[in-house]
Amino acid sequence: MADGTVGGVHVAKLKSVVERIERLEGERAELGADIREVYSEAKGSGFDTKILRQLIKLRKMDKADRQELDDLLDTYRKALGV
């Protein structure tokens, strides 16, 4: 370990990577809590959170994929008489 390696692994680099991942995991958990809080506020304002989640999912899609999804869903609805 005199050269900072153990079994060919650079200890300082490994420690740095692990610490960065741990920090980001912590930030992700905080963001998750913040997002849940916003959904809770939205629900308190009378919004349907299930629909909000669907809207956010749709907004992430590009226009072509969203159109394809809409078309396929419409076809399935017609086929089932829904």
C-alpha atoms as a PDB file:
ATOM      1  CA  MET A   1       0.000   0.000   0.000  1.00  0.00           C
ATOM      2  CA  ALA A   2       3.060   2.238  -0.059  1.00  0.00           C
ATOM      3  CA  ASP A   3       2.109   3.391  -3.558  1.00  0.00           C
ATOM      4  CA  GLY A   4      -1.568   4.000  -2.672  1.00  0.00           C
ATOM      5  CA  THR A   5      -2.863   0.828  -4.282  1.00  0.00           C
ATOM      6  CA  VAL A   6      -4.299  -2.407  -2.927  1.00  0.00           C
ATOM      7  CA  GLY A   7      -4.547  -5.331  -5.293  1.00  0.00           C
ATOM      8  CA  GLY A   8      -4.068  -2.985  -8.236  1.00  0.00           C
ATOM      9  CA  VAL A   9      -6.861  -0.643  -7.045  1.00  0.00           C
ATOM     10  CA  HIS A  10      -5.988   3.016  -6.551  1.00  0.00           C
ATOM     11  CA  VAL A  11      -7.318   3.608  -3.025  1.00  0.00           C
ATOM     12  CA  ALA A  12      -7.707   7.398  -3.166  1.00  0.00           C
ATOM     13  CA  LYS A  13      -9.512   7.268  -6.512  1.00  0.00           C
ATOM     14  CA  LEU A  14     -11.846   4.507  -5.288  1.00  0.00           C
ATOM     15  CA  LYS A  15     -12.596   6.431  -2.099  1.00  0.00           C
ATOM     16  CA  SER A  16     -13.314   9.569  -4.122  1.00  0.00           C
ATOM     17  CA  VAL A  17     -15.726   7.750  -6.442  1.00  0.00           C
ATOM     18  CA  VAL A  18     -17.552   6.060  -3.555  1.00  0.00           C
ATOM     19  CA  GLU A  19     -17.898   9.346  -1.654  1.00  0.00           C
ATOM     20  CA  ARG A  20     -19.258  11.130  -4.738  1.00  0.00           C
ATOM     21  CA  ILE A  21     -21.823   8.366  -5.284  1.00  0.00           C
ATOM     22  CA  GLU A  22     -22.855   8.519  -1.623  1.00  0.00           C
ATOM     23  CA  ARG A  23     -23.255  12.307  -1.810  1.00  0.00           C
ATOM     24  CA  LEU A  24     -25.354  12.056  -4.981  1.00  0.00           C
ATOM     25  CA  GLU A  25     -27.495   9.293  -3.429  1.00  0.00           C
ATOM     26  CA  GLY A  26     -28.157  11.633  -0.511  1.00  0.00           C
ATOM     27  CA  GLU A  27     -29.089  14.462  -2.860  1.00  0.00           C
ATOM     28  CA  ARG A  28     -31.406  12.130  -4.765  1.00  0.00           C
ATOM     29  CA  ALA A  29     -33.160  11.181  -1.523  1.00  0.00           C
ATOM     30  CA  GLU A  30     -33.605  14.869  -0.669  1.00  0.00           C
ATOM     31  CA  LEU A  31     -34.984  15.572  -4.146  1.00  0.00           C
ATOM     32  CA  GLY A  32     -37.390  12.656  -3.805  1.00  0.00           C
ATOM     33  CA  ALA A  33     -38.682  14.114  -0.556  1.00  0.00           C
ATOM     34  CA  ASP A  34     -39.057  17.534  -2.207  1.00  0.00           C
ATOM     35  CA  ILE A  35     -40.984  16.017  -5.117  1.00  0.00           C
ATOM     36  CA  ARG A  36     -43.302  14.133  -2.748  1.00  0.00           C
ATOM     37  CA  GLU A  37     -43.940  17.410  -0.923  1.00  0.00           C
ATOM     38  CA  VAL A  38     -44.896  19.169  -4.169  1.00  0.00           C
ATOM     39  CA  TYR A  39     -47.272  16.317  -5.060  1.00  0.00           C
ATOM     40  CA  SER A  40     -48.786  16.619  -1.586  1.00  0.00           C
ATOM     41  CA  GLU A  41     -49.286  20.357  -2.079  1.00  0.00           C
ATOM     42  CA  ALA A  42     -50.848  19.706  -5.481  1.00  0.00           C
ATOM     43  CA  LYS A  43     -53.214  17.161  -3.943  1.00  0.00           C
ATOM     44  CA  GLY A  44     -54.131  19.687  -1.267  1.00  0.00           C
ATOM     45  CA  SER A  45     -54.979  22.131  -4.044  1.00  0.00           C
ATOM     46  CA  GLY A  46     -57.376  19.613  -5.577  1.00  0.00           C
ATOM     47  CA  PHE A  47     -55.169  18.202  -8.327  1.00  0.00           C
ATOM     48  CA  ASP A  48     -55.197  14.476  -9.069  1.00  0.00           C
ATOM     49  CA  THR A  49     -51.620  13.333  -8.464  1.00  0.00           C
ATOM     50  CA  LYS A  50     -52.027  10.212 -10.587  1.00  0.00           C
ATOM     51  CA  ILE A  51     -52.908  12.420 -13.558  1.00  0.00           C
ATOM     52  CA  LEU A  52     -50.050  14.821 -12.759  1.00  0.00           C
ATOM     53  CA  ARG A  53     -47.601  11.906 -12.849  1.00  0.00           C
ATOM     54  CA  GLN A  54     -48.984  10.838 -16.233  1.00  0.00           C
ATOM     55  CA  LEU A  55     -48.677  14.393 -17.561  1.00  0.00           C
ATOM     56  CA  ILE A  56     -45.060  14.604 -16.450  1.00  0.00           C
ATOM     57  CA  LYS A  57     -44.348  11.247 -18.078  1.00  0.00           C
ATOM     58  CA  LEU A  58     -45.952  12.442 -21.326  1.00  0.00           C
ATOM     59  CA  ARG A  59     -44.052  15.738 -21.295  1.00  0.00           C
ATOM     60  CA  LYS A  60     -40.767  13.809 -21.084  1.00  0.00           C
ATOM     61  CA  MET A  61     -41.606  11.962 -24.312  1.00  0.00           C
ATOM     62  CA  ASP A  62     -40.807  13.435 -27.682  1.00  0.00           C
ATOM     63  CA  LYS A  63     -43.727  14.428 -29.861  1.00  0.00           C
ATOM     64  CA  ALA A  64     -43.475  11.448 -32.234  1.00  0.00           C
ATOM     65  CA  ASP A  65     -43.423   8.903 -29.408  1.00  0.00           C
ATOM     66  CA  ARG A  66     -46.335  10.625 -27.692  1.00  0.00           C
ATOM     67  CA  GLN A  67     -48.325  10.604 -30.934  1.00  0.00           C
ATOM     68  CA  GLU A  68     -47.567   6.917 -31.472  1.00  0.00           C
ATOM     69  CA  LEU A  69     -48.741   6.164 -27.937  1.00  0.00           C
ATOM     70  CA  ASP A  70     -51.945   8.179 -28.457  1.00  0.00           C
ATOM     71  CA  ASP A  71     -52.680   6.437 -31.755  1.00  0.00           C
ATOM     72  CA  LEU A  72     -52.114   2.972 -30.343  1.00  0.00           C
ATOM     73  CA  LEU A  73     -54.174   3.710 -27.252  1.00  0.00           C
ATOM     74  CA  ASP A  74     -56.996   5.037 -29.454  1.00  0.00           C
ATOM     75  CA  THR A  75     -56.854   1.906 -31.618  1.00  0.00           C
ATOM     76  CA  TYR A  76     -57.033  -0.352 -28.548  1.00  0.00           C
ATOM     77  CA  ARG A  77     -59.918   1.676 -27.108  1.00  0.00           C
ATOM     78  CA  LYS A  78     -61.870   1.352 -30.357  1.00  0.00           C
ATOM     79  CA  ALA A  79     -61.144  -2.369 -30.527  1.00  0.00           C
ATOM     80  CA  LEU A  80     -62.487  -2.848 -26.998  1.00  0.00           C
ATOM     81  CA  GLY A  81     -65.373  -0.403 -27.337  1.00  0.00           C
ATOM     82  CA  VAL A  82     -64.026   1.784 -24.540  1.00  0.00           C
END
